Structure formats: structure tokens, C-alpha cells
Amino acid sequence: MRWYEQNHELSEMLNFVESLNDEEKSVAAKSLLNILITECGINLDLEISDIASKNYSYNRWYDDIYDLSSAMEFLKSLPEHKQQYVIKRLLSEVVMSYVKKEL
């Protein structure tokens, strides 16, 4: 079982992101990184250092886009209540983006 499949809402959100084209995934990743850094207190230097120290195989669906891969690692390190917050914030961003596009 993948780490994000343990949380149904997180799994659904990531299934949605996976279904996007690469450009849309990149936009979602930037939004996700912004939320994680500005609203969740992610220590960017510490997290990047932690990611760099691990030996990942980079075979996951989200590893093709560096920002998305980084965001997933940051998200994975959060406690569940903060993951829930991020899910709601990202979905809010997606809805607002869609509404703006439609107007």
C-alpha cells in the first residue's frame, strides 16, 4: 500500500492530480508547495536536505515533475491533521482556478 492510500481523501486528491496533464500537474505542484511552505511551516532547507540524504529510486508517478516530487515528500512528512488541511486548501485552489477560467 502506498503511503497516501492510508487516507482516503488524500488518495482521492492524488488520484485527481495524477489524472492531470504535465502542465496542470506542475501548476498543482506549485500551489501545493506554496501551501506547504507558507501555511504549514515546512522548513524548506531542512526538508530539501532530508530528501537529498535519502536514496530514492524515483519510479513513482509523481517523480517526473521535480516540484511535484518534492511536494509529495513534504506532504508525506506532515502529521495527518495537517495533511487534511492541505487537501482542503489544494481543492479550494483547484476550484477557484476553474471558476476564474470559466469567467
PDB file of N, CA and C in Angstrom:
ATOM      1  N   MET A   1       0.837  -1.175   0.000  1.00  0.00           N
ATOM      2  CA  MET A   1       0.000   0.000   0.000  1.00  0.00           C
ATOM      3  C   MET A   1       0.888   1.246   0.000  1.00  0.00           C
ATOM      4  N   ARG A   2       0.542   2.179  -0.857  1.00  0.00           N
ATOM      5  CA  ARG A   2       1.287   3.438  -0.911  1.00  0.00           C
ATOM      6  C   ARG A   2       0.977   4.276   0.321  1.00  0.00           C
ATOM      7  N   TRP A   3       1.914   5.150   0.699  1.00  0.00           N
ATOM      8  CA  TRP A   3       1.762   5.946   1.920  1.00  0.00           C
ATOM      9  C   TRP A   3       0.486   6.772   1.911  1.00  0.00           C
ATOM     10  N   TYR A   4       0.099   7.278   0.750  1.00  0.00           N
ATOM     11  CA  TYR A   4      -1.071   8.159   0.694  1.00  0.00           C
ATOM     12  C   TYR A   4      -2.392   7.386   0.587  1.00  0.00           C
ATOM     13  N   GLU A   5      -2.336   6.098   0.357  1.00  0.00           N
ATOM     14  CA  GLU A   5      -3.553   5.291   0.266  1.00  0.00           C
ATOM     15  C   GLU A   5      -4.145   4.977   1.634  1.00  0.00           C
ATOM     16  N   GLN A   6      -3.418   5.304   2.683  1.00  0.00           N
ATOM     17  CA  GLN A   6      -3.919   5.085   4.036  1.00  0.00           C
ATOM     18  C   GLN A   6      -4.981   6.114   4.414  1.00  0.00           C
ATOM     19  N   ASN A   7      -5.036   7.204   3.675  1.00  0.00           N
ATOM     20  CA  ASN A   7      -6.005   8.274   3.916  1.00  0.00           C
ATOM     21  C   ASN A   7      -6.851   8.409   2.654  1.00  0.00           C
ATOM     22  N   HIS A   8      -8.125   8.093   2.750  1.00  0.00           N
ATOM     23  CA  HIS A   8      -8.999   8.081   1.570  1.00  0.00           C
ATOM     24  C   HIS A   8      -9.038   9.431   0.853  1.00  0.00           C
ATOM     25  N   GLU A   9      -9.186  10.518   1.596  1.00  0.00           N
ATOM     26  CA  GLU A   9      -9.271  11.843   0.963  1.00  0.00           C
ATOM     27  C   GLU A   9      -7.965  12.213   0.276  1.00  0.00           C
ATOM     28  N   LEU A  10      -6.851  11.914   0.920  1.00  0.00           N
ATOM     29  CA  LEU A  10      -5.549  12.182   0.318  1.00  0.00           C
ATOM     30  C   LEU A  10      -5.359  11.346  -0.938  1.00  0.00           C
ATOM     31  N   SER A  11      -5.759  10.097  -0.878  1.00  0.00           N
ATOM     32  CA  SER A  11      -5.666   9.217  -2.033  1.00  0.00           C
ATOM     33  C   SER A  11      -6.495   9.745  -3.200  1.00  0.00           C
ATOM     34  N   GLU A  12      -7.716  10.197  -2.909  1.00  0.00           N
ATOM     35  CA  GLU A  12      -8.585  10.756  -3.957  1.00  0.00           C
ATOM     36  C   GLU A  12      -7.975  12.010  -4.567  1.00  0.00           C
ATOM     37  N   MET A  13      -7.428  12.892  -3.724  1.00  0.00           N
ATOM     38  CA  MET A  13      -6.812  14.110  -4.232  1.00  0.00           C
ATOM     39  C   MET A  13      -5.636  13.771  -5.151  1.00  0.00           C
ATOM     40  N   LEU A  14      -4.814  12.821  -4.727  1.00  0.00           N
ATOM     41  CA  LEU A  14      -3.644  12.473  -5.533  1.00  0.00           C
ATOM     42  C   LEU A  14      -4.035  11.714  -6.801  1.00  0.00           C
ATOM     43  N   ASN A  15      -5.112  10.958  -6.757  1.00  0.00           N
ATOM     44  CA  ASN A  15      -5.617  10.334  -7.987  1.00  0.00           C
ATOM     45  C   ASN A  15      -6.045  11.412  -8.982  1.00  0.00           C
ATOM     46  N   PHE A  16      -6.670  12.467  -8.471  1.00  0.00           N
ATOM     47  CA  PHE A  16      -7.058  13.585  -9.326  1.00  0.00           C
ATOM     48  C   PHE A  16      -5.820  14.246  -9.928  1.00  0.00           C
ATOM     49  N   VAL A  17      -4.834  14.547  -9.100  1.00  0.00           N
ATOM     50  CA  VAL A  17      -3.607  15.180  -9.600  1.00  0.00           C
ATOM     51  C   VAL A  17      -2.939  14.284 -10.640  1.00  0.00           C
ATOM     52  N   GLU A  18      -2.911  12.994 -10.389  1.00  0.00           N
ATOM     53  CA  GLU A  18      -2.292  12.055 -11.334  1.00  0.00           C
ATOM     54  C   GLU A  18      -2.992  12.088 -12.693  1.00  0.00           C
ATOM     55  N   SER A  19      -4.288  12.370 -12.705  1.00  0.00           N
ATOM     56  CA  SER A  19      -5.047  12.382 -13.957  1.00  0.00           C
ATOM     57  C   SER A  19      -4.807  13.639 -14.802  1.00  0.00           C
ATOM     58  N   LEU A  20      -4.151  14.638 -14.234  1.00  0.00           N
ATOM     59  CA  LEU A  20      -3.901  15.888 -14.955  1.00  0.00           C
ATOM     60  C   LEU A  20      -2.782  15.719 -15.974  1.00  0.00           C
ATOM     61  N   ASN A  21      -2.745  16.612 -16.968  1.00  0.00           N
ATOM     62  CA  ASN A  21      -1.602  16.609 -17.881  1.00  0.00           C
ATOM     63  C   ASN A  21      -0.401  17.219 -17.155  1.00  0.00           C
ATOM     64  N   ASP A  22       0.784  17.122 -17.735  1.00  0.00           N
ATOM     65  CA  ASP A  22       2.002  17.560 -17.049  1.00  0.00           C
ATOM     66  C   ASP A  22       1.985  19.044 -16.694  1.00  0.00           C
ATOM     67  N   GLU A  23       1.452  19.877 -17.560  1.00  0.00           N
ATOM     68  CA  GLU A  23       1.393  21.311 -17.275  1.00  0.00           C
ATOM     69  C   GLU A  23       0.488  21.577 -16.070  1.00  0.00           C
ATOM     70  N   GLU A  24      -0.656  20.907 -16.032  1.00  0.00           N
ATOM     71  CA  GLU A  24      -1.582  21.070 -14.910  1.00  0.00           C
ATOM     72  C   GLU A  24      -0.989  20.496 -13.620  1.00  0.00           C
ATOM     73  N   LYS A  25      -0.264  19.390 -13.733  1.00  0.00           N
ATOM     74  CA  LYS A  25       0.407  18.815 -12.561  1.00  0.00           C
ATOM     75  C   LYS A  25       1.426  19.801 -12.008  1.00  0.00           C
ATOM     76  N   SER A  26       2.133  20.465 -12.891  1.00  0.00           N
ATOM     77  CA  SER A  26       3.137  21.439 -12.476  1.00  0.00           C
ATOM     78  C   SER A  26       2.493  22.611 -11.737  1.00  0.00           C
ATOM     79  N   VAL A  27       1.369  23.081 -12.240  1.00  0.00           N
ATOM     80  CA  VAL A  27       0.640  24.173 -11.581  1.00  0.00           C
ATOM     81  C   VAL A  27       0.147  23.712 -10.211  1.00  0.00           C
ATOM     82  N   ALA A  28      -0.409  22.500 -10.144  1.00  0.00           N
ATOM     83  CA  ALA A  28      -0.873  21.949  -8.866  1.00  0.00           C
ATOM     84  C   ALA A  28       0.288  21.806  -7.884  1.00  0.00           C
ATOM     85  N   ALA A  29       1.439  21.385  -8.383  1.00  0.00           N
ATOM     86  CA  ALA A  29       2.618  21.227  -7.530  1.00  0.00           C
ATOM     87  C   ALA A  29       3.058  22.560  -6.948  1.00  0.00           C
ATOM     88  N   LYS A  30       3.056  23.596  -7.753  1.00  0.00           N
ATOM     89  CA  LYS A  30       3.445  24.923  -7.266  1.00  0.00           C
ATOM     90  C   LYS A  30       2.462  25.424  -6.203  1.00  0.00           C
ATOM     91  N   SER A  31       1.177  25.194  -6.418  1.00  0.00           N
ATOM     92  CA  SER A  31       0.177  25.559  -5.410  1.00  0.00           C
ATOM     93  C   SER A  31       0.394  24.766  -4.129  1.00  0.00           C
ATOM     94  N   LEU A  32       0.640  23.490  -4.294  1.00  0.00           N
ATOM     95  CA  LEU A  32       0.870  22.615  -3.146  1.00  0.00           C
ATOM     96  C   LEU A  32       2.112  23.052  -2.364  1.00  0.00           C
ATOM     97  N   LEU A  33       3.187  23.343  -3.067  1.00  0.00           N
ATOM     98  CA  LEU A  33       4.407  23.810  -2.399  1.00  0.00           C
ATOM     99  C   LEU A  33       4.155  25.118  -1.659  1.00  0.00           C
ATOM    100  N   ASN A  34       3.419  26.023  -2.285  1.00  0.00           N
ATOM    101  CA  ASN A  34       3.116  27.301  -1.649  1.00  0.00           C
ATOM    102  C   ASN A  34       2.341  27.090  -0.349  1.00  0.00           C
ATOM    103  N   ILE A  35       1.343  26.226  -0.388  1.00  0.00           N
ATOM    104  CA  ILE A  35       0.552  25.928   0.811  1.00  0.00           C
ATOM    105  C   ILE A  35       1.439  25.306   1.890  1.00  0.00           C
ATOM    106  N   LEU A  36       2.250  24.347   1.504  1.00  0.00           N
ATOM    107  CA  LEU A  36       3.100  23.641   2.462  1.00  0.00           C
ATOM    108  C   LEU A  36       4.106  24.585   3.124  1.00  0.00           C
ATOM    109  N   ILE A  37       4.681  25.480   2.343  1.00  0.00           N
ATOM    110  CA  ILE A  37       5.717  26.366   2.870  1.00  0.00           C
ATOM    111  C   ILE A  37       5.121  27.526   3.660  1.00  0.00           C
ATOM    112  N   THR A  38       4.104  28.175   3.110  1.00  0.00           N
ATOM    113  CA  THR A  38       3.586  29.383   3.758  1.00  0.00           C
ATOM    114  C   THR A  38       2.558  29.118   4.845  1.00  0.00           C
ATOM    115  N   GLU A  39       1.833  28.008   4.749  1.00  0.00           N
ATOM    116  CA  GLU A  39       0.743  27.776   5.701  1.00  0.00           C
ATOM    117  C   GLU A  39       0.982  26.617   6.658  1.00  0.00           C
ATOM    118  N   CYS A  40       1.910  25.749   6.327  1.00  0.00           N
ATOM    119  CA  CYS A  40       2.143  24.567   7.176  1.00  0.00           C
ATOM    120  C   CYS A  40       3.486  24.594   7.875  1.00  0.00           C
ATOM    121  N   GLY A  41       4.241  25.646   7.659  1.00  0.00           N
ATOM    122  CA  GLY A  41       5.506  25.782   8.363  1.00  0.00           C
ATOM    123  C   GLY A  41       6.586  24.811   7.959  1.00  0.00           C
ATOM    124  N   ILE A  42       6.536  24.331   6.733  1.00  0.00           N
ATOM    125  CA  ILE A  42       7.599  23.441   6.256  1.00  0.00           C
ATOM    126  C   ILE A  42       8.916  24.218   6.236  1.00  0.00           C
ATOM    127  N   ASN A  43       9.936  23.642   6.842  1.00  0.00           N
ATOM    128  CA  ASN A  43      11.266  24.232   6.818  1.00  0.00           C
ATOM    129  C   ASN A  43      11.934  23.750   5.531  1.00  0.00           C
ATOM    130  N   LEU A  44      11.944  24.612   4.540  1.00  0.00           N
ATOM    131  CA  LEU A  44      12.393  24.233   3.205  1.00  0.00           C
ATOM    132  C   LEU A  44      13.823  23.697   3.204  1.00  0.00           C
ATOM    133  N   ASP A  45      14.738  24.376   3.879  1.00  0.00           N
ATOM    134  CA  ASP A  45      16.136  23.930   3.898  1.00  0.00           C
ATOM    135  C   ASP A  45      16.266  22.544   4.529  1.00  0.00           C
ATOM    136  N   LEU A  46      15.587  22.358   5.646  1.00  0.00           N
ATOM    137  CA  LEU A  46      15.656  21.073   6.344  1.00  0.00           C
ATOM    138  C   LEU A  46      15.047  19.958   5.507  1.00  0.00           C
ATOM    139  N   GLU A  47      13.894  20.210   4.904  1.00  0.00           N
ATOM    140  CA  GLU A  47      13.221  19.183   4.108  1.00  0.00           C
ATOM    141  C   GLU A  47      14.022  18.818   2.859  1.00  0.00           C
ATOM    142  N   ILE A  48      14.583  19.813   2.188  1.00  0.00           N
ATOM    143  CA  ILE A  48      15.390  19.534   0.990  1.00  0.00           C
ATOM    144  C   ILE A  48      16.625  18.733   1.375  1.00  0.00           C
ATOM    145  N   SER A  49      17.226  19.090   2.485  1.00  0.00           N
ATOM    146  CA  SER A  49      18.388  18.354   2.965  1.00  0.00           C
ATOM    147  C   SER A  49      18.012  16.906   3.281  1.00  0.00           C
ATOM    148  N   ASP A  50      16.846  16.725   3.888  1.00  0.00           N
ATOM    149  CA  ASP A  50      16.374  15.377   4.214  1.00  0.00           C
ATOM    150  C   ASP A  50      16.121  14.560   2.946  1.00  0.00           C
ATOM    151  N   ILE A  51      15.484  15.176   1.952  1.00  0.00           N
ATOM    152  CA  ILE A  51      15.224  14.490   0.686  1.00  0.00           C
ATOM    153  C   ILE A  51      16.534  14.097   0.010  1.00  0.00           C
ATOM    154  N   ALA A  52      17.484  15.022   0.011  1.00  0.00           N
ATOM    155  CA  ALA A  52      18.771  14.768  -0.644  1.00  0.00           C
ATOM    156  C   ALA A  52      19.541  13.639   0.028  1.00  0.00           C
ATOM    157  N   SER A  53      19.322  13.459   1.332  1.00  0.00           N
ATOM    158  CA  SER A  53      20.061  12.426   2.053  1.00  0.00           C
ATOM    159  C   SER A  53      19.494  11.021   1.822  1.00  0.00           C
ATOM    160  N   LYS A  54      18.297  10.946   1.276  1.00  0.00           N
ATOM    161  CA  LYS A  54      17.668   9.644   1.030  1.00  0.00           C
ATOM    162  C   LYS A  54      17.968   9.182  -0.389  1.00  0.00           C
ATOM    163  N   ASN A  55      18.003   7.908  -0.561  1.00  0.00           N
ATOM    164  CA  ASN A  55      18.320   7.334  -1.868  1.00  0.00           C
ATOM    165  C   ASN A  55      17.028   6.819  -2.507  1.00  0.00           C
ATOM    166  N   TYR A  56      16.310   7.707  -3.179  1.00  0.00           N
ATOM    167  CA  TYR A  56      15.050   7.330  -3.811  1.00  0.00           C
ATOM    168  C   TYR A  56      15.303   6.740  -5.196  1.00  0.00           C
ATOM    169  N   SER A  57      14.410   5.854  -5.598  1.00  0.00           N
ATOM    170  CA  SER A  57      14.528   5.267  -6.933  1.00  0.00           C
ATOM    171  C   SER A  57      13.851   6.136  -7.990  1.00  0.00           C
ATOM    172  N   TYR A  58      12.980   7.042  -7.575  1.00  0.00           N
ATOM    173  CA  TYR A  58      12.283   7.961  -8.476  1.00  0.00           C
ATOM    174  C   TYR A  58      11.528   7.233  -9.582  1.00  0.00           C
ATOM    175  N   ASN A  59      10.789   6.226  -9.193  1.00  0.00           N
ATOM    176  CA  ASN A  59       9.960   5.482 -10.140  1.00  0.00           C
ATOM    177  C   ASN A  59       8.476   5.753  -9.952  1.00  0.00           C
ATOM    178  N   ARG A  60       8.157   6.672  -9.052  1.00  0.00           N
ATOM    179  CA  ARG A  60       6.756   6.926  -8.748  1.00  0.00           C
ATOM    180  C   ARG A  60       6.151   7.865  -9.791  1.00  0.00           C
ATOM    181  N   TRP A  61       4.840   7.815  -9.954  1.00  0.00           N
ATOM    182  CA  TRP A  61       4.177   8.607 -10.989  1.00  0.00           C
ATOM    183  C   TRP A  61       4.438  10.096 -10.833  1.00  0.00           C
ATOM    184  N   TYR A  62       4.662  10.563  -9.632  1.00  0.00           N
ATOM    185  CA  TYR A  62       4.858  11.999  -9.408  1.00  0.00           C
ATOM    186  C   TYR A  62       6.317  12.435  -9.468  1.00  0.00           C
ATOM    187  N   ASP A  63       7.229  11.515  -9.690  1.00  0.00           N
ATOM    188  CA  ASP A  63       8.648  11.857  -9.712  1.00  0.00           C
ATOM    189  C   ASP A  63       9.116  12.504 -11.010  1.00  0.00           C
ATOM    190  N   ASP A  64       8.312  12.461 -12.056  1.00  0.00           N
ATOM    191  CA  ASP A  64       8.706  13.062 -13.333  1.00  0.00           C
ATOM    192  C   ASP A  64       8.738  14.585 -13.270  1.00  0.00           C
ATOM    193  N   ILE A  65       8.019  15.156 -12.314  1.00  0.00           N
ATOM    194  CA  ILE A  65       7.976  16.611 -12.154  1.00  0.00           C
ATOM    195  C   ILE A  65       8.607  16.922 -10.802  1.00  0.00           C
ATOM    196  N   TYR A  66       9.759  17.592 -10.829  1.00  0.00           N
ATOM    197  CA  TYR A  66      10.545  17.800  -9.611  1.00  0.00           C
ATOM    198  C   TYR A  66       9.737  18.483  -8.512  1.00  0.00           C
ATOM    199  N   ASP A  67       9.009  19.552  -8.847  1.00  0.00           N
ATOM    200  CA  ASP A  67       8.219  20.257  -7.834  1.00  0.00           C
ATOM    201  C   ASP A  67       7.175  19.339  -7.206  1.00  0.00           C
ATOM    202  N   LEU A  68       6.565  18.516  -8.016  1.00  0.00           N
ATOM    203  CA  LEU A  68       5.551  17.595  -7.508  1.00  0.00           C
ATOM    204  C   LEU A  68       6.188  16.528  -6.621  1.00  0.00           C
ATOM    205  N   SER A  69       7.314  16.019  -7.035  1.00  0.00           N
ATOM    206  CA  SER A  69       8.035  15.030  -6.240  1.00  0.00           C
ATOM    207  C   SER A  69       8.419  15.609  -4.880  1.00  0.00           C
ATOM    208  N   SER A  70       8.931  16.829  -4.882  1.00  0.00           N
ATOM    209  CA  SER A  70       9.302  17.497  -3.624  1.00  0.00           C
ATOM    210  C   SER A  70       8.076  17.723  -2.756  1.00  0.00           C
ATOM    211  N   ALA A  71       6.998  18.200  -3.357  1.00  0.00           N
ATOM    212  CA  ALA A  71       5.771  18.457  -2.605  1.00  0.00           C
ATOM    213  C   ALA A  71       5.246  17.173  -1.965  1.00  0.00           C
ATOM    214  N   MET A  72       5.326  16.073  -2.681  1.00  0.00           N
ATOM    215  CA  MET A  72       4.855  14.800  -2.125  1.00  0.00           C
ATOM    216  C   MET A  72       5.695  14.384  -0.923  1.00  0.00           C
ATOM    217  N   GLU A  73       6.995  14.594  -1.002  1.00  0.00           N
ATOM    218  CA  GLU A  73       7.861  14.256   0.132  1.00  0.00           C
ATOM    219  C   GLU A  73       7.553  15.142   1.326  1.00  0.00           C
ATOM    220  N   PHE A  74       7.327  16.434   1.081  1.00  0.00           N
ATOM    221  CA  PHE A  74       6.978  17.352   2.168  1.00  0.00           C
ATOM    222  C   PHE A  74       5.648  16.936   2.786  1.00  0.00           C
ATOM    223  N   LEU A  75       4.671  16.640   1.931  1.00  0.00           N
ATOM    224  CA  LEU A  75       3.338  16.250   2.382  1.00  0.00           C
ATOM    225  C   LEU A  75       3.402  14.969   3.213  1.00  0.00           C
ATOM    226  N   LYS A  76       4.223  14.036   2.769  1.00  0.00           N
ATOM    227  CA  LYS A  76       4.364  12.760   3.473  1.00  0.00           C
ATOM    228  C   LYS A  76       4.869  12.967   4.900  1.00  0.00           C
ATOM    229  N   SER A  77       5.671  13.992   5.104  1.00  0.00           N
ATOM    230  CA  SER A  77       6.274  14.218   6.424  1.00  0.00           C
ATOM    231  C   SER A  77       5.326  14.899   7.412  1.00  0.00           C
ATOM    232  N   LEU A  78       4.184  15.379   6.936  1.00  0.00           N
ATOM    233  CA  LEU A  78       3.248  16.086   7.814  1.00  0.00           C
ATOM    234  C   LEU A  78       2.395  15.122   8.632  1.00  0.00           C
ATOM    235  N   PRO A  79       1.980  15.558   9.818  1.00  0.00           N
ATOM    236  CA  PRO A  79       1.005  14.756  10.563  1.00  0.00           C
ATOM    237  C   PRO A  79      -0.334  14.758   9.820  1.00  0.00           C
ATOM    238  N   GLU A  80      -1.171  13.787  10.111  1.00  0.00           N
ATOM    239  CA  GLU A  80      -2.413  13.607   9.361  1.00  0.00           C
ATOM    240  C   GLU A  80      -3.317  14.840   9.395  1.00  0.00           C
ATOM    241  N   HIS A  81      -3.409  15.525  10.527  1.00  0.00           N
ATOM    242  CA  HIS A  81      -4.299  16.691  10.592  1.00  0.00           C
ATOM    243  C   HIS A  81      -3.826  17.803   9.657  1.00  0.00           C
ATOM    244  N   LYS A  82      -2.524  17.944   9.484  1.00  0.00           N
ATOM    245  CA  LYS A  82      -2.026  18.946   8.532  1.00  0.00           C
ATOM    246  C   LYS A  82      -2.209  18.469   7.098  1.00  0.00           C
ATOM    247  N   GLN A  83      -2.094  17.177   6.859  1.00  0.00           N
ATOM    248  CA  GLN A  83      -2.378  16.647   5.520  1.00  0.00           C
ATOM    249  C   GLN A  83      -3.822  16.960   5.140  1.00  0.00           C
ATOM    250  N   GLN A  84      -4.737  16.785   6.096  1.00  0.00           N
ATOM    251  CA  GLN A  84      -6.153  17.084   5.845  1.00  0.00           C
ATOM    252  C   GLN A  84      -6.330  18.558   5.471  1.00  0.00           C
ATOM    253  N   TYR A  85      -5.637  19.422   6.177  1.00  0.00           N
ATOM    254  CA  TYR A  85      -5.699  20.853   5.885  1.00  0.00           C
ATOM    255  C   TYR A  85      -5.217  21.130   4.464  1.00  0.00           C
ATOM    256  N   VAL A  86      -4.105  20.526   4.103  1.00  0.00           N
ATOM    257  CA  VAL A  86      -3.529  20.731   2.768  1.00  0.00           C
ATOM    258  C   VAL A  86      -4.492  20.241   1.684  1.00  0.00           C
ATOM    259  N   ILE A  87      -5.132  19.113   1.916  1.00  0.00           N
ATOM    260  CA  ILE A  87      -6.108  18.584   0.955  1.00  0.00           C
ATOM    261  C   ILE A  87      -7.193  19.616   0.701  1.00  0.00           C
ATOM    262  N   LYS A  88      -7.754  20.151   1.764  1.00  0.00           N
ATOM    263  CA  LYS A  88      -8.829  21.144   1.628  1.00  0.00           C
ATOM    264  C   LYS A  88      -8.344  22.403   0.926  1.00  0.00           C
ATOM    265  N   ARG A  89      -7.159  22.858   1.270  1.00  0.00           N
ATOM    266  CA  ARG A  89      -6.610  24.073   0.647  1.00  0.00           C
ATOM    267  C   ARG A  89      -6.327  23.860  -0.839  1.00  0.00           C
ATOM    268  N   LEU A  90      -5.762  22.715  -1.190  1.00  0.00           N
ATOM    269  CA  LEU A  90      -5.458  22.461  -2.602  1.00  0.00           C
ATOM    270  C   LEU A  90      -6.751  22.337  -3.404  1.00  0.00           C
ATOM    271  N   LEU A  91      -7.729  21.647  -2.867  1.00  0.00           N
ATOM    272  CA  LEU A  91      -9.008  21.536  -3.568  1.00  0.00           C
ATOM    273  C   LEU A  91      -9.650  22.913  -3.741  1.00  0.00           C
ATOM    274  N   SER A  92      -9.526  23.745  -2.744  1.00  0.00           N
ATOM    275  CA  SER A  92     -10.029  25.114  -2.841  1.00  0.00           C
ATOM    276  C   SER A  92      -9.324  25.872  -3.970  1.00  0.00           C
ATOM    277  N   GLU A  93      -8.019  25.718  -4.059  1.00  0.00           N
ATOM    278  CA  GLU A  93      -7.236  26.364  -5.119  1.00  0.00           C
ATOM    279  C   GLU A  93      -7.675  25.872  -6.504  1.00  0.00           C
ATOM    280  N   VAL A  94      -7.904  24.581  -6.615  1.00  0.00           N
ATOM    281  CA  VAL A  94      -8.314  23.997  -7.894  1.00  0.00           C
ATOM    282  C   VAL A  94      -9.676  24.544  -8.311  1.00  0.00           C
ATOM    283  N   VAL A  95     -10.611  24.590  -7.365  1.00  0.00           N
ATOM    284  CA  VAL A  95     -11.951  25.103  -7.668  1.00  0.00           C
ATOM    285  C   VAL A  95     -11.885  26.568  -8.078  1.00  0.00           C
ATOM    286  N   MET A  96     -11.136  27.367  -7.330  1.00  0.00           N
ATOM    287  CA  MET A  96     -11.024  28.797  -7.665  1.00  0.00           C
ATOM    288  C   MET A  96     -10.370  28.998  -9.024  1.00  0.00           C
ATOM    289  N   SER A  97      -9.387  28.196  -9.332  1.00  0.00           N
ATOM    290  CA  SER A  97      -8.725  28.284 -10.634  1.00  0.00           C
ATOM    291  C   SER A  97      -9.709  27.966 -11.752  1.00  0.00           C
ATOM    292  N   TYR A  98     -10.526  26.944 -11.546  1.00  0.00           N
ATOM    293  CA  TYR A  98     -11.528  26.557 -12.547  1.00  0.00           C
ATOM    294  C   TYR A  98     -12.563  27.664 -12.723  1.00  0.00           C
ATOM    295  N   VAL A  99     -13.027  28.238 -11.624  1.00  0.00           N
ATOM    296  CA  VAL A  99     -14.033  29.299 -11.682  1.00  0.00           C
ATOM    297  C   VAL A  99     -13.481  30.502 -12.426  1.00  0.00           C
ATOM    298  N   LYS A 100     -12.245  30.892 -12.120  1.00  0.00           N
ATOM    299  CA  LYS A 100     -11.622  32.041 -12.800  1.00  0.00           C
ATOM    300  C   LYS A 100     -11.502  31.787 -14.287  1.00  0.00           C
ATOM    301  N   LYS A 101     -11.158  30.557 -14.634  1.00  0.00           N
ATOM    302  CA  LYS A 101     -11.006  30.199 -16.054  1.00  0.00           C
ATOM    303  C   LYS A 101     -12.328  30.286 -16.790  1.00  0.00           C
ATOM    304  N   GLU A 102     -13.416  29.946 -16.106  1.00  0.00           N
ATOM    305  CA  GLU A 102     -14.733  29.935 -16.695  1.00  0.00           C
ATOM    306  C   GLU A 102     -15.341  31.326 -16.832  1.00  0.00           C
ATOM    307  N   LEU A 103     -14.896  32.276 -16.013  1.00  0.00           N
ATOM    308  CA  LEU A 103     -15.480  33.620 -16.051  1.00  0.00           C
ATOM    309  C   LEU A 103     -15.048  34.416 -17.219  1.00  0.00           C
TER     310      LEU A 103
END
